[in-house]
N, C-alpha and C. Protein backbone atom coordinates (compact mmCIF):
# COMPACT_ATOMS: atom_id res chain seq x y z
N MET A 1 -29.14 32.58 15.70
CA MET A 1 -28.53 31.54 16.53
C MET A 1 -27.35 32.14 17.30
N SER A 2 -27.26 31.84 18.57
CA SER A 2 -26.18 32.38 19.39
C SER A 2 -24.85 31.77 18.99
N GLU A 3 -23.75 32.48 19.29
CA GLU A 3 -22.42 31.98 18.98
C GLU A 3 -22.16 30.65 19.68
N MET A 4 -22.60 30.52 20.93
CA MET A 4 -22.37 29.30 21.69
C MET A 4 -23.11 28.12 21.07
N LYS A 5 -24.34 28.35 20.61
CA LYS A 5 -25.11 27.25 20.01
C LYS A 5 -24.48 26.79 18.71
N GLU A 6 -23.87 27.72 17.97
CA GLU A 6 -23.18 27.36 16.73
C GLU A 6 -22.02 26.42 17.00
N ARG A 7 -21.44 26.49 18.19
CA ARG A 7 -20.27 25.68 18.52
C ARG A 7 -20.62 24.26 18.98
N LEU A 8 -21.89 23.96 19.12
CA LEU A 8 -22.29 22.62 19.55
C LEU A 8 -21.66 21.54 18.66
N HIS A 9 -21.57 21.81 17.37
CA HIS A 9 -21.17 20.78 16.41
C HIS A 9 -19.83 21.05 15.74
N THR A 10 -19.04 21.98 16.28
CA THR A 10 -17.76 22.33 15.65
C THR A 10 -16.56 21.76 16.39
N GLY A 11 -16.75 21.23 17.60
CA GLY A 11 -15.63 20.76 18.41
C GLY A 11 -14.95 21.86 19.19
N GLU A 12 -15.42 23.10 19.04
CA GLU A 12 -14.83 24.23 19.78
C GLU A 12 -15.35 24.26 21.22
N LEU A 13 -14.62 24.92 22.09
CA LEU A 13 -15.09 25.14 23.45
C LEU A 13 -16.30 26.08 23.43
N TYR A 14 -17.28 25.78 24.28
CA TYR A 14 -18.47 26.63 24.39
C TYR A 14 -19.04 26.50 25.79
N LEU A 15 -20.01 27.35 26.10
CA LEU A 15 -20.66 27.35 27.40
C LEU A 15 -22.07 26.77 27.26
N PRO A 16 -22.31 25.56 27.78
CA PRO A 16 -23.61 24.92 27.62
C PRO A 16 -24.75 25.62 28.37
N GLY A 17 -24.41 26.55 29.28
CA GLY A 17 -25.44 27.30 29.98
C GLY A 17 -25.99 28.48 29.21
N ASP A 18 -25.57 28.63 27.95
CA ASP A 18 -26.09 29.69 27.09
C ASP A 18 -27.62 29.65 27.06
N GLU A 19 -28.25 30.81 27.13
CA GLU A 19 -29.71 30.89 27.26
C GLU A 19 -30.43 30.19 26.11
N GLU A 20 -29.98 30.38 24.88
CA GLU A 20 -30.65 29.77 23.73
C GLU A 20 -30.50 28.24 23.76
N ILE A 21 -29.33 27.78 24.13
CA ILE A 21 -29.12 26.33 24.25
C ILE A 21 -30.03 25.75 25.33
N MET A 22 -30.07 26.39 26.48
CA MET A 22 -30.86 25.89 27.60
C MET A 22 -32.36 25.86 27.27
N THR A 23 -32.84 26.87 26.58
CA THR A 23 -34.27 26.94 26.22
C THR A 23 -34.64 25.77 25.31
N ASP A 24 -33.82 25.54 24.29
CA ASP A 24 -34.06 24.44 23.36
C ASP A 24 -33.94 23.09 24.06
N GLN A 25 -32.91 22.94 24.89
CA GLN A 25 -32.67 21.68 25.57
C GLN A 25 -33.82 21.34 26.52
N THR A 26 -34.29 22.31 27.26
CA THR A 26 -35.37 22.06 28.23
C THR A 26 -36.65 21.62 27.53
N LYS A 27 -36.95 22.24 26.41
CA LYS A 27 -38.13 21.85 25.63
C LYS A 27 -38.03 20.39 25.19
N ARG A 28 -36.85 20.00 24.75
CA ARG A 28 -36.64 18.63 24.27
C ARG A 28 -36.66 17.63 25.42
N LEU A 29 -36.18 18.04 26.58
CA LEU A 29 -36.20 17.15 27.74
C LEU A 29 -37.62 16.93 28.26
N ASP A 30 -38.47 17.94 28.11
CA ASP A 30 -39.89 17.76 28.46
C ASP A 30 -40.52 16.66 27.60
N ARG A 31 -40.18 16.65 26.30
CA ARG A 31 -40.72 15.64 25.40
C ARG A 31 -40.16 14.27 25.72
N LEU A 32 -38.90 14.21 26.10
CA LEU A 32 -38.29 12.95 26.52
C LEU A 32 -39.00 12.41 27.76
N TYR A 33 -39.34 13.29 28.67
CA TYR A 33 -40.09 12.87 29.86
C TYR A 33 -41.41 12.21 29.44
N ASP A 34 -42.10 12.82 28.49
CA ASP A 34 -43.37 12.25 28.01
C ASP A 34 -43.15 10.85 27.42
N PHE A 35 -42.06 10.68 26.66
CA PHE A 35 -41.77 9.37 26.08
C PHE A 35 -41.56 8.32 27.18
N ASN A 36 -40.81 8.69 28.19
CA ASN A 36 -40.52 7.74 29.27
C ASN A 36 -41.75 7.40 30.12
N MET A 37 -42.79 8.19 30.03
CA MET A 37 -44.01 7.93 30.78
C MET A 37 -45.02 7.08 30.00
N THR A 38 -44.68 6.70 28.76
CA THR A 38 -45.61 5.88 27.98
C THR A 38 -45.68 4.46 28.55
N ARG A 39 -46.80 3.81 28.26
CA ARG A 39 -47.01 2.43 28.72
C ARG A 39 -46.45 1.43 27.72
N PRO A 40 -46.10 0.23 28.17
CA PRO A 40 -45.60 -0.79 27.25
C PRO A 40 -46.57 -1.10 26.11
N THR A 41 -47.86 -0.94 26.34
CA THR A 41 -48.86 -1.21 25.29
C THR A 41 -48.93 -0.10 24.24
N GLU A 42 -48.25 1.02 24.48
CA GLU A 42 -48.35 2.16 23.56
C GLU A 42 -47.19 2.15 22.56
N TYR A 43 -47.00 1.04 21.92
CA TYR A 43 -45.88 0.86 20.99
C TYR A 43 -45.94 1.88 19.85
N GLU A 44 -47.08 2.02 19.24
CA GLU A 44 -47.21 2.94 18.10
C GLU A 44 -46.95 4.38 18.52
N LYS A 45 -47.41 4.73 19.71
CA LYS A 45 -47.17 6.08 20.22
C LYS A 45 -45.68 6.32 20.42
N ARG A 46 -44.99 5.34 20.96
CA ARG A 46 -43.55 5.47 21.16
C ARG A 46 -42.83 5.66 19.83
N CYS A 47 -43.19 4.87 18.83
CA CYS A 47 -42.55 4.99 17.52
C CYS A 47 -42.78 6.37 16.92
N SER A 48 -43.99 6.87 17.05
CA SER A 48 -44.33 8.20 16.54
C SER A 48 -43.54 9.28 17.25
N MET A 49 -43.41 9.16 18.56
CA MET A 49 -42.67 10.16 19.33
C MET A 49 -41.19 10.16 18.97
N LEU A 50 -40.61 8.98 18.77
CA LEU A 50 -39.19 8.91 18.42
C LEU A 50 -38.91 9.58 17.08
N LYS A 51 -39.84 9.44 16.14
CA LYS A 51 -39.67 10.11 14.84
C LYS A 51 -39.66 11.62 14.99
N GLU A 52 -40.39 12.10 15.98
CA GLU A 52 -40.43 13.54 16.26
C GLU A 52 -39.19 13.99 17.03
N MET A 53 -38.72 13.16 17.95
CA MET A 53 -37.65 13.54 18.86
C MET A 53 -36.26 13.43 18.25
N PHE A 54 -36.02 12.39 17.44
CA PHE A 54 -34.69 12.10 16.92
C PHE A 54 -34.41 12.88 15.64
N ALA A 55 -33.13 13.11 15.37
CA ALA A 55 -32.76 13.72 14.10
C ALA A 55 -33.15 12.81 12.95
N GLU A 56 -32.88 11.50 13.12
CA GLU A 56 -33.28 10.48 12.15
C GLU A 56 -33.52 9.18 12.90
N ILE A 57 -34.57 8.46 12.51
CA ILE A 57 -34.78 7.12 13.07
C ILE A 57 -35.42 6.25 12.01
N GLY A 58 -34.76 5.13 11.69
CA GLY A 58 -35.21 4.26 10.61
C GLY A 58 -36.35 3.35 11.02
N GLU A 59 -36.86 2.62 10.06
CA GLU A 59 -37.95 1.68 10.31
C GLU A 59 -37.47 0.53 11.20
N GLY A 60 -38.35 0.09 12.07
CA GLY A 60 -38.07 -1.07 12.90
C GLY A 60 -37.16 -0.82 14.08
N CYS A 61 -36.90 0.44 14.40
CA CYS A 61 -36.10 0.74 15.60
C CYS A 61 -36.97 0.63 16.85
N TYR A 62 -36.36 0.19 17.93
CA TYR A 62 -37.09 0.13 19.20
C TYR A 62 -36.16 0.48 20.35
N ILE A 63 -36.64 1.34 21.23
CA ILE A 63 -35.88 1.76 22.41
C ILE A 63 -36.72 1.47 23.65
N GLU A 64 -36.18 0.70 24.55
CA GLU A 64 -36.87 0.40 25.81
C GLU A 64 -36.72 1.58 26.76
N PRO A 65 -37.81 2.20 27.19
CA PRO A 65 -37.68 3.22 28.24
C PRO A 65 -37.21 2.57 29.54
N PRO A 66 -36.55 3.33 30.43
CA PRO A 66 -36.28 4.75 30.27
C PRO A 66 -35.08 5.03 29.38
N LEU A 67 -35.22 6.07 28.59
CA LEU A 67 -34.16 6.59 27.75
C LEU A 67 -33.67 7.90 28.36
N HIS A 68 -32.37 8.10 28.36
CA HIS A 68 -31.79 9.34 28.88
C HIS A 68 -31.00 9.99 27.74
N ALA A 69 -31.26 11.26 27.47
CA ALA A 69 -30.58 11.93 26.36
C ALA A 69 -30.52 13.43 26.65
N ASN A 70 -29.32 13.99 26.58
CA ASN A 70 -29.13 15.40 26.92
C ASN A 70 -30.02 16.33 26.12
N PHE A 71 -30.19 16.01 24.83
CA PHE A 71 -31.04 16.82 23.96
C PHE A 71 -32.23 16.03 23.45
N GLY A 72 -32.64 15.04 24.22
CA GLY A 72 -33.84 14.28 23.87
C GLY A 72 -33.76 13.55 22.56
N GLY A 73 -32.55 13.29 22.07
CA GLY A 73 -32.39 12.59 20.80
C GLY A 73 -32.27 13.51 19.60
N ALA A 74 -32.25 14.81 19.81
CA ALA A 74 -32.27 15.78 18.70
C ALA A 74 -31.09 15.64 17.76
N HIS A 75 -29.97 15.11 18.26
CA HIS A 75 -28.77 14.99 17.43
C HIS A 75 -28.39 13.52 17.20
N VAL A 76 -29.40 12.63 17.30
CA VAL A 76 -29.17 11.19 17.18
C VAL A 76 -29.72 10.68 15.86
N HIS A 77 -28.91 9.87 15.17
CA HIS A 77 -29.27 9.33 13.86
C HIS A 77 -29.21 7.80 13.95
N PHE A 78 -30.37 7.15 14.05
CA PHE A 78 -30.45 5.69 14.05
C PHE A 78 -30.93 5.23 12.69
N GLU A 79 -30.20 4.30 12.07
CA GLU A 79 -30.67 3.69 10.84
C GLU A 79 -31.67 2.59 11.19
N LYS A 80 -32.09 1.80 10.24
CA LYS A 80 -33.20 0.86 10.46
C LYS A 80 -32.80 -0.29 11.39
N GLY A 81 -33.80 -0.77 12.13
CA GLY A 81 -33.64 -1.98 12.92
C GLY A 81 -32.75 -1.88 14.14
N VAL A 82 -32.47 -0.68 14.62
CA VAL A 82 -31.63 -0.52 15.81
C VAL A 82 -32.46 -0.85 17.05
N TYR A 83 -31.89 -1.63 17.96
CA TYR A 83 -32.56 -1.97 19.22
C TYR A 83 -31.71 -1.49 20.39
N ALA A 84 -32.34 -0.82 21.34
CA ALA A 84 -31.66 -0.36 22.55
C ALA A 84 -32.42 -0.83 23.78
N ASN A 85 -31.72 -1.49 24.68
CA ASN A 85 -32.32 -1.99 25.91
C ASN A 85 -32.43 -0.86 26.95
N PHE A 86 -32.91 -1.21 28.14
CA PHE A 86 -33.19 -0.23 29.19
C PHE A 86 -32.00 0.66 29.52
N ASN A 87 -32.30 1.92 29.86
CA ASN A 87 -31.32 2.87 30.40
C ASN A 87 -30.22 3.25 29.41
N LEU A 88 -30.56 3.31 28.13
CA LEU A 88 -29.62 3.87 27.17
C LEU A 88 -29.41 5.35 27.51
N THR A 89 -28.14 5.76 27.61
CA THR A 89 -27.82 7.16 27.85
C THR A 89 -27.11 7.74 26.63
N LEU A 90 -27.72 8.74 26.03
CA LEU A 90 -27.18 9.42 24.86
C LEU A 90 -26.79 10.83 25.26
N VAL A 91 -25.50 11.05 25.41
CA VAL A 91 -25.03 12.42 25.68
C VAL A 91 -24.92 13.08 24.30
N ASP A 92 -26.08 13.47 23.78
CA ASP A 92 -26.19 13.87 22.38
C ASP A 92 -26.07 15.39 22.22
N ASP A 93 -25.03 15.95 22.82
CA ASP A 93 -24.79 17.38 22.65
C ASP A 93 -24.34 17.68 21.22
N THR A 94 -23.76 16.67 20.54
CA THR A 94 -23.57 16.72 19.09
C THR A 94 -23.99 15.37 18.54
N HIS A 95 -23.66 15.11 17.28
CA HIS A 95 -24.29 14.01 16.56
C HIS A 95 -23.77 12.63 16.96
N ILE A 96 -24.71 11.68 17.03
CA ILE A 96 -24.44 10.27 17.26
C ILE A 96 -25.07 9.50 16.11
N TYR A 97 -24.26 8.68 15.43
CA TYR A 97 -24.73 7.91 14.28
C TYR A 97 -24.63 6.41 14.60
N VAL A 98 -25.74 5.67 14.41
CA VAL A 98 -25.76 4.24 14.68
C VAL A 98 -26.35 3.53 13.46
N GLY A 99 -25.61 2.52 12.94
CA GLY A 99 -25.99 1.85 11.71
C GLY A 99 -27.07 0.79 11.86
N ASP A 100 -27.53 0.29 10.72
CA ASP A 100 -28.61 -0.70 10.65
C ASP A 100 -28.37 -1.90 11.57
N TYR A 101 -29.42 -2.30 12.26
CA TYR A 101 -29.48 -3.55 13.04
C TYR A 101 -28.48 -3.64 14.17
N THR A 102 -27.93 -2.52 14.57
CA THR A 102 -27.04 -2.53 15.74
C THR A 102 -27.86 -2.69 17.01
N MET A 103 -27.31 -3.42 17.98
CA MET A 103 -27.97 -3.68 19.25
C MET A 103 -27.17 -3.04 20.39
N LEU A 104 -27.88 -2.34 21.25
CA LEU A 104 -27.28 -1.67 22.40
C LEU A 104 -27.84 -2.28 23.67
N GLY A 105 -26.99 -2.90 24.47
CA GLY A 105 -27.44 -3.56 25.68
C GLY A 105 -27.87 -2.59 26.76
N PRO A 106 -28.39 -3.11 27.89
CA PRO A 106 -28.82 -2.22 28.98
C PRO A 106 -27.67 -1.40 29.54
N ASN A 107 -27.98 -0.15 29.89
CA ASN A 107 -27.02 0.75 30.54
C ASN A 107 -25.83 1.14 29.67
N VAL A 108 -26.02 1.12 28.36
CA VAL A 108 -24.98 1.62 27.45
C VAL A 108 -24.99 3.15 27.48
N THR A 109 -23.80 3.74 27.42
CA THR A 109 -23.65 5.20 27.37
C THR A 109 -22.85 5.58 26.13
N LEU A 110 -23.42 6.48 25.32
CA LEU A 110 -22.72 7.06 24.17
C LEU A 110 -22.54 8.54 24.46
N ALA A 111 -21.32 8.95 24.77
CA ALA A 111 -21.07 10.29 25.30
C ALA A 111 -20.25 11.13 24.32
N THR A 112 -20.88 12.16 23.75
CA THR A 112 -20.16 13.03 22.81
C THR A 112 -19.50 14.21 23.50
N ALA A 113 -19.86 14.49 24.73
CA ALA A 113 -19.40 15.71 25.40
C ALA A 113 -18.14 15.46 26.23
N GLY A 114 -17.24 16.43 26.20
CA GLY A 114 -16.05 16.40 27.03
C GLY A 114 -15.81 17.76 27.67
N HIS A 115 -14.91 17.77 28.63
CA HIS A 115 -14.56 19.01 29.33
C HIS A 115 -13.04 19.15 29.34
N PRO A 116 -12.53 20.37 29.24
CA PRO A 116 -11.08 20.56 29.17
C PRO A 116 -10.37 20.10 30.45
N ILE A 117 -9.14 19.66 30.29
CA ILE A 117 -8.34 19.21 31.43
C ILE A 117 -7.98 20.39 32.33
N LEU A 118 -7.74 21.55 31.75
CA LEU A 118 -7.35 22.73 32.53
C LEU A 118 -8.46 23.12 33.50
N PRO A 119 -8.20 23.08 34.82
CA PRO A 119 -9.26 23.30 35.80
C PRO A 119 -9.90 24.68 35.70
N GLU A 120 -9.13 25.69 35.30
CA GLU A 120 -9.71 27.04 35.20
C GLU A 120 -10.81 27.10 34.16
N LEU A 121 -10.65 26.34 33.07
CA LEU A 121 -11.68 26.30 32.04
C LEU A 121 -12.91 25.53 32.51
N ARG A 122 -12.68 24.43 33.23
CA ARG A 122 -13.82 23.68 33.77
C ARG A 122 -14.59 24.52 34.77
N GLN A 123 -13.88 25.28 35.57
CA GLN A 123 -14.52 26.14 36.57
C GLN A 123 -15.47 27.14 35.91
N GLN A 124 -15.11 27.58 34.70
CA GLN A 124 -15.96 28.52 33.97
C GLN A 124 -17.11 27.81 33.25
N GLY A 125 -17.08 26.45 33.24
CA GLY A 125 -18.17 25.69 32.66
C GLY A 125 -18.00 25.30 31.21
N TYR A 126 -16.79 25.41 30.68
CA TYR A 126 -16.59 25.13 29.25
C TYR A 126 -16.72 23.64 28.94
N GLN A 127 -17.16 23.38 27.72
CA GLN A 127 -17.40 22.03 27.22
C GLN A 127 -17.04 22.00 25.74
N TYR A 128 -16.79 20.79 25.22
CA TYR A 128 -16.66 20.60 23.77
C TYR A 128 -17.34 19.28 23.42
N ASN A 129 -17.71 19.13 22.16
CA ASN A 129 -18.42 17.93 21.71
C ASN A 129 -17.77 17.34 20.47
N MET A 130 -17.68 16.01 20.44
CA MET A 130 -17.13 15.30 19.29
C MET A 130 -18.09 14.15 18.92
N PRO A 131 -18.42 14.00 17.62
CA PRO A 131 -19.44 13.02 17.22
C PRO A 131 -18.98 11.58 17.39
N ILE A 132 -19.95 10.68 17.51
CA ILE A 132 -19.72 9.24 17.62
C ILE A 132 -20.33 8.56 16.40
N HIS A 133 -19.60 7.60 15.82
CA HIS A 133 -20.08 6.81 14.68
C HIS A 133 -19.99 5.33 15.03
N ILE A 134 -21.12 4.64 15.00
CA ILE A 134 -21.17 3.19 15.25
C ILE A 134 -21.73 2.54 14.00
N GLY A 135 -21.06 1.51 13.50
CA GLY A 135 -21.42 0.90 12.23
C GLY A 135 -22.66 0.02 12.27
N LYS A 136 -22.85 -0.71 11.19
CA LYS A 136 -24.00 -1.61 11.04
C LYS A 136 -23.73 -2.94 11.72
N ASN A 137 -24.80 -3.57 12.20
CA ASN A 137 -24.72 -4.93 12.75
C ASN A 137 -23.74 -5.06 13.91
N CYS A 138 -23.58 -4.00 14.67
CA CYS A 138 -22.74 -4.07 15.88
C CYS A 138 -23.57 -4.53 17.07
N TRP A 139 -22.88 -4.99 18.08
CA TRP A 139 -23.52 -5.32 19.36
C TRP A 139 -22.65 -4.75 20.48
N LEU A 140 -23.23 -3.82 21.23
CA LEU A 140 -22.56 -3.26 22.40
C LEU A 140 -23.21 -3.88 23.63
N GLY A 141 -22.44 -4.64 24.40
CA GLY A 141 -22.97 -5.34 25.55
C GLY A 141 -23.33 -4.41 26.70
N ALA A 142 -23.92 -4.99 27.74
CA ALA A 142 -24.41 -4.22 28.89
C ALA A 142 -23.29 -3.37 29.48
N GLY A 143 -23.63 -2.10 29.75
CA GLY A 143 -22.72 -1.22 30.46
C GLY A 143 -21.56 -0.67 29.65
N VAL A 144 -21.56 -0.84 28.34
CA VAL A 144 -20.48 -0.29 27.51
C VAL A 144 -20.56 1.25 27.53
N ILE A 145 -19.39 1.88 27.59
CA ILE A 145 -19.29 3.34 27.52
C ILE A 145 -18.44 3.69 26.30
N VAL A 146 -18.98 4.55 25.43
CA VAL A 146 -18.26 5.01 24.25
C VAL A 146 -17.96 6.50 24.43
N MET A 147 -16.70 6.85 24.33
CA MET A 147 -16.25 8.21 24.60
C MET A 147 -16.37 9.11 23.38
N PRO A 148 -16.24 10.44 23.56
CA PRO A 148 -16.40 11.38 22.44
C PRO A 148 -15.44 11.11 21.28
N GLY A 149 -15.96 11.28 20.07
CA GLY A 149 -15.15 11.20 18.87
C GLY A 149 -14.82 9.81 18.37
N ILE A 150 -15.43 8.77 18.94
CA ILE A 150 -15.09 7.39 18.62
C ILE A 150 -15.84 6.89 17.39
N THR A 151 -15.17 6.05 16.60
CA THR A 151 -15.79 5.32 15.50
C THR A 151 -15.62 3.82 15.75
N ILE A 152 -16.71 3.07 15.60
CA ILE A 152 -16.71 1.61 15.73
C ILE A 152 -17.17 1.04 14.40
N GLY A 153 -16.39 0.12 13.82
CA GLY A 153 -16.68 -0.41 12.49
C GLY A 153 -17.83 -1.40 12.46
N ASP A 154 -18.29 -1.73 11.26
CA ASP A 154 -19.42 -2.64 11.04
C ASP A 154 -19.14 -4.01 11.66
N ASN A 155 -20.22 -4.63 12.15
CA ASN A 155 -20.24 -6.03 12.62
C ASN A 155 -19.46 -6.27 13.91
N THR A 156 -18.93 -5.24 14.52
CA THR A 156 -18.07 -5.42 15.69
C THR A 156 -18.90 -5.61 16.96
N VAL A 157 -18.36 -6.43 17.86
CA VAL A 157 -18.96 -6.69 19.17
C VAL A 157 -18.07 -6.05 20.24
N ILE A 158 -18.70 -5.26 21.12
CA ILE A 158 -17.98 -4.66 22.25
C ILE A 158 -18.48 -5.36 23.52
N GLY A 159 -17.59 -6.01 24.23
CA GLY A 159 -17.97 -6.80 25.39
C GLY A 159 -18.52 -5.96 26.53
N ALA A 160 -19.37 -6.57 27.33
CA ALA A 160 -20.03 -5.88 28.45
C ALA A 160 -19.01 -5.18 29.34
N GLY A 161 -19.34 -3.95 29.73
CA GLY A 161 -18.52 -3.20 30.65
C GLY A 161 -17.31 -2.52 30.04
N ALA A 162 -17.10 -2.67 28.74
CA ALA A 162 -15.93 -2.07 28.10
C ALA A 162 -16.07 -0.55 28.04
N VAL A 163 -14.92 0.13 28.09
CA VAL A 163 -14.86 1.58 27.93
C VAL A 163 -14.07 1.87 26.66
N VAL A 164 -14.75 2.38 25.65
CA VAL A 164 -14.14 2.56 24.33
C VAL A 164 -13.54 3.96 24.25
N THR A 165 -12.21 4.02 24.29
CA THR A 165 -11.49 5.29 24.29
C THR A 165 -10.76 5.55 22.98
N LYS A 166 -10.68 4.51 22.12
CA LYS A 166 -10.04 4.64 20.81
C LYS A 166 -10.91 3.93 19.77
N ASP A 167 -10.75 4.32 18.51
CA ASP A 167 -11.52 3.70 17.44
C ASP A 167 -11.31 2.19 17.42
N ILE A 168 -12.40 1.46 17.09
CA ILE A 168 -12.36 0.00 16.99
C ILE A 168 -12.71 -0.38 15.56
N PRO A 169 -11.91 -1.22 14.90
CA PRO A 169 -12.19 -1.57 13.50
C PRO A 169 -13.40 -2.47 13.33
N ALA A 170 -13.76 -2.71 12.09
CA ALA A 170 -14.88 -3.60 11.76
C ALA A 170 -14.51 -5.06 12.00
N ASN A 171 -15.57 -5.89 12.16
CA ASN A 171 -15.44 -7.35 12.16
C ASN A 171 -14.51 -7.89 13.24
N CYS A 172 -14.66 -7.37 14.46
CA CYS A 172 -13.83 -7.88 15.55
C CYS A 172 -14.61 -7.85 16.86
N ILE A 173 -13.99 -8.42 17.88
CA ILE A 173 -14.52 -8.39 19.25
C ILE A 173 -13.52 -7.60 20.09
N ALA A 174 -14.03 -6.59 20.82
CA ALA A 174 -13.18 -5.77 21.68
C ALA A 174 -13.74 -5.80 23.10
N VAL A 175 -12.85 -5.87 24.08
CA VAL A 175 -13.26 -5.96 25.48
C VAL A 175 -12.32 -5.14 26.35
N GLY A 176 -12.77 -4.85 27.57
CA GLY A 176 -11.87 -4.29 28.57
C GLY A 176 -11.98 -2.79 28.76
N ASN A 177 -11.18 -2.30 29.71
CA ASN A 177 -11.11 -0.88 30.04
C ASN A 177 -9.63 -0.48 30.17
N PRO A 178 -9.11 0.22 29.14
CA PRO A 178 -9.79 0.64 27.91
C PRO A 178 -10.00 -0.54 26.97
N ALA A 179 -11.00 -0.43 26.11
CA ALA A 179 -11.34 -1.52 25.20
C ALA A 179 -10.21 -1.77 24.20
N LYS A 180 -9.86 -3.05 24.04
CA LYS A 180 -8.85 -3.45 23.06
C LYS A 180 -9.39 -4.63 22.26
N VAL A 181 -8.94 -4.74 21.02
CA VAL A 181 -9.39 -5.84 20.17
C VAL A 181 -8.90 -7.17 20.75
N LEU A 182 -9.83 -8.06 21.01
CA LEU A 182 -9.52 -9.40 21.51
C LEU A 182 -9.18 -10.33 20.35
N ARG A 183 -10.03 -10.28 19.32
CA ARG A 183 -9.80 -11.11 18.13
C ARG A 183 -10.72 -10.66 17.02
N GLU A 184 -10.45 -11.14 15.82
CA GLU A 184 -11.35 -10.91 14.71
C GLU A 184 -12.49 -11.92 14.75
N ILE A 185 -13.61 -11.55 14.16
CA ILE A 185 -14.71 -12.49 13.98
C ILE A 185 -14.32 -13.43 12.86
N GLY A 186 -14.38 -14.76 13.12
CA GLY A 186 -13.84 -15.72 12.14
C GLY A 186 -14.74 -16.90 11.86
N GLU A 187 -14.12 -17.96 11.33
CA GLU A 187 -14.88 -19.13 10.89
C GLU A 187 -15.60 -19.82 12.03
N ARG A 188 -14.99 -19.87 13.20
CA ARG A 188 -15.65 -20.56 14.31
C ARG A 188 -16.97 -19.89 14.68
N ASP A 189 -17.03 -18.57 14.49
CA ASP A 189 -18.26 -17.84 14.81
C ASP A 189 -19.39 -18.17 13.84
N MET A 190 -19.04 -18.78 12.69
CA MET A 190 -20.07 -19.21 11.74
C MET A 190 -20.65 -20.57 12.15
N GLU A 191 -19.96 -21.23 13.10
CA GLU A 191 -20.40 -22.57 13.52
C GLU A 191 -20.98 -22.59 14.93
N TYR A 192 -20.45 -21.70 15.80
CA TYR A 192 -20.90 -21.69 17.20
C TYR A 192 -21.38 -20.29 17.58
N TYR A 193 -22.53 -20.20 18.28
CA TYR A 193 -23.04 -18.90 18.71
C TYR A 193 -22.68 -18.59 20.15
N TYR A 194 -22.36 -19.63 20.96
CA TYR A 194 -21.98 -19.42 22.36
C TYR A 194 -21.22 -20.65 22.83
N LYS A 195 -19.95 -20.46 23.16
CA LYS A 195 -19.10 -21.55 23.62
C LYS A 195 -19.24 -22.75 22.69
N ASP A 196 -19.79 -23.89 23.19
CA ASP A 196 -19.91 -25.08 22.33
C ASP A 196 -21.31 -25.25 21.76
N ARG A 197 -22.13 -24.19 21.80
CA ARG A 197 -23.50 -24.25 21.27
C ARG A 197 -23.48 -23.98 19.77
N LYS A 198 -23.90 -24.98 18.98
CA LYS A 198 -23.80 -24.89 17.53
C LYS A 198 -24.95 -24.09 16.92
N ILE A 199 -24.63 -23.45 15.81
CA ILE A 199 -25.65 -22.82 14.97
C ILE A 199 -26.13 -23.88 13.99
N TYR A 200 -27.44 -24.07 13.92
CA TYR A 200 -28.00 -25.05 13.01
C TYR A 200 -28.54 -24.36 11.76
N GLN A 201 -28.45 -25.03 10.64
CA GLN A 201 -28.82 -24.46 9.36
C GLN A 201 -30.26 -23.95 9.36
N GLU A 202 -31.14 -24.70 10.06
CA GLU A 202 -32.55 -24.28 10.08
C GLU A 202 -32.73 -22.93 10.76
N ASP A 203 -31.82 -22.61 11.72
CA ASP A 203 -31.89 -21.30 12.37
C ASP A 203 -31.58 -20.19 11.36
N LEU A 204 -30.60 -20.44 10.50
CA LEU A 204 -30.25 -19.45 9.48
C LEU A 204 -31.32 -19.36 8.41
N ASP A 205 -31.95 -20.50 8.09
CA ASP A 205 -32.97 -20.52 7.04
C ASP A 205 -34.21 -19.73 7.41
N GLU A 206 -34.41 -19.51 8.73
CA GLU A 206 -35.58 -18.76 9.19
C GLU A 206 -35.44 -17.29 8.94
N GLN A 207 -34.25 -16.81 8.60
CA GLN A 207 -34.03 -15.38 8.39
C GLN A 207 -34.81 -14.88 7.18
C-alpha cells in the first residue's frame, strides 16, 4: 500500500492523485455507474450491488439513485433500515457511519474531505479526511450538508438546508447555516407530528 493511501484514514495531509488511490477509486466509480443505471424494478439487484459496494450495509436499507460517492461507498457504514432519497452525495474519502433507521432527504451531502487553508498546499493538491458519525433514528432534511469530522447524536432532526459545522447532540432539532440547536425534542412532539396535526394512537399501534 502506498504511503498516500495509508493516509486516507489518519487525518494527515495526502495527495489524492496518488496512482494507487486513483486506480482503486476509478474501479469503484465504474461500479457506482452500474448501480445508477439500474431500473426501478431491479430492487433485488440494487440491494445486492450495495452489499458489494459499501463497507457495511444493514438489512432494509434503500438508496434512491442517482447516488454520488467519491469511492463508490467503499468507506460507508450504514446500519439497518437507513433510507436515502435522490442525489445523496457521499464524499467517502474516509469513513462515514450512519445508524439504524436514519433518513437522508434529497440532495444531502456528507463530506469527509477537506483542503488546507494555506493556498500553497492547495495548489499542490493536498487533502485531508475526517470521519462522520450520524446516530440512530435521525432525519436529515433536503439539502443538508455535513462537514468533515462531525458527529450527530441519536434521534436528532437537522432542518432542510442546514450546514452542520459543529457536533449536534442527541434528541434535538437543529437548523440554519451554520446549524444550531433550535430546541430539544419534547412532550409536544409525542402529541403532534406537524404543526397542529395530531398523532393518533392507532398510528402508533400499527408499528
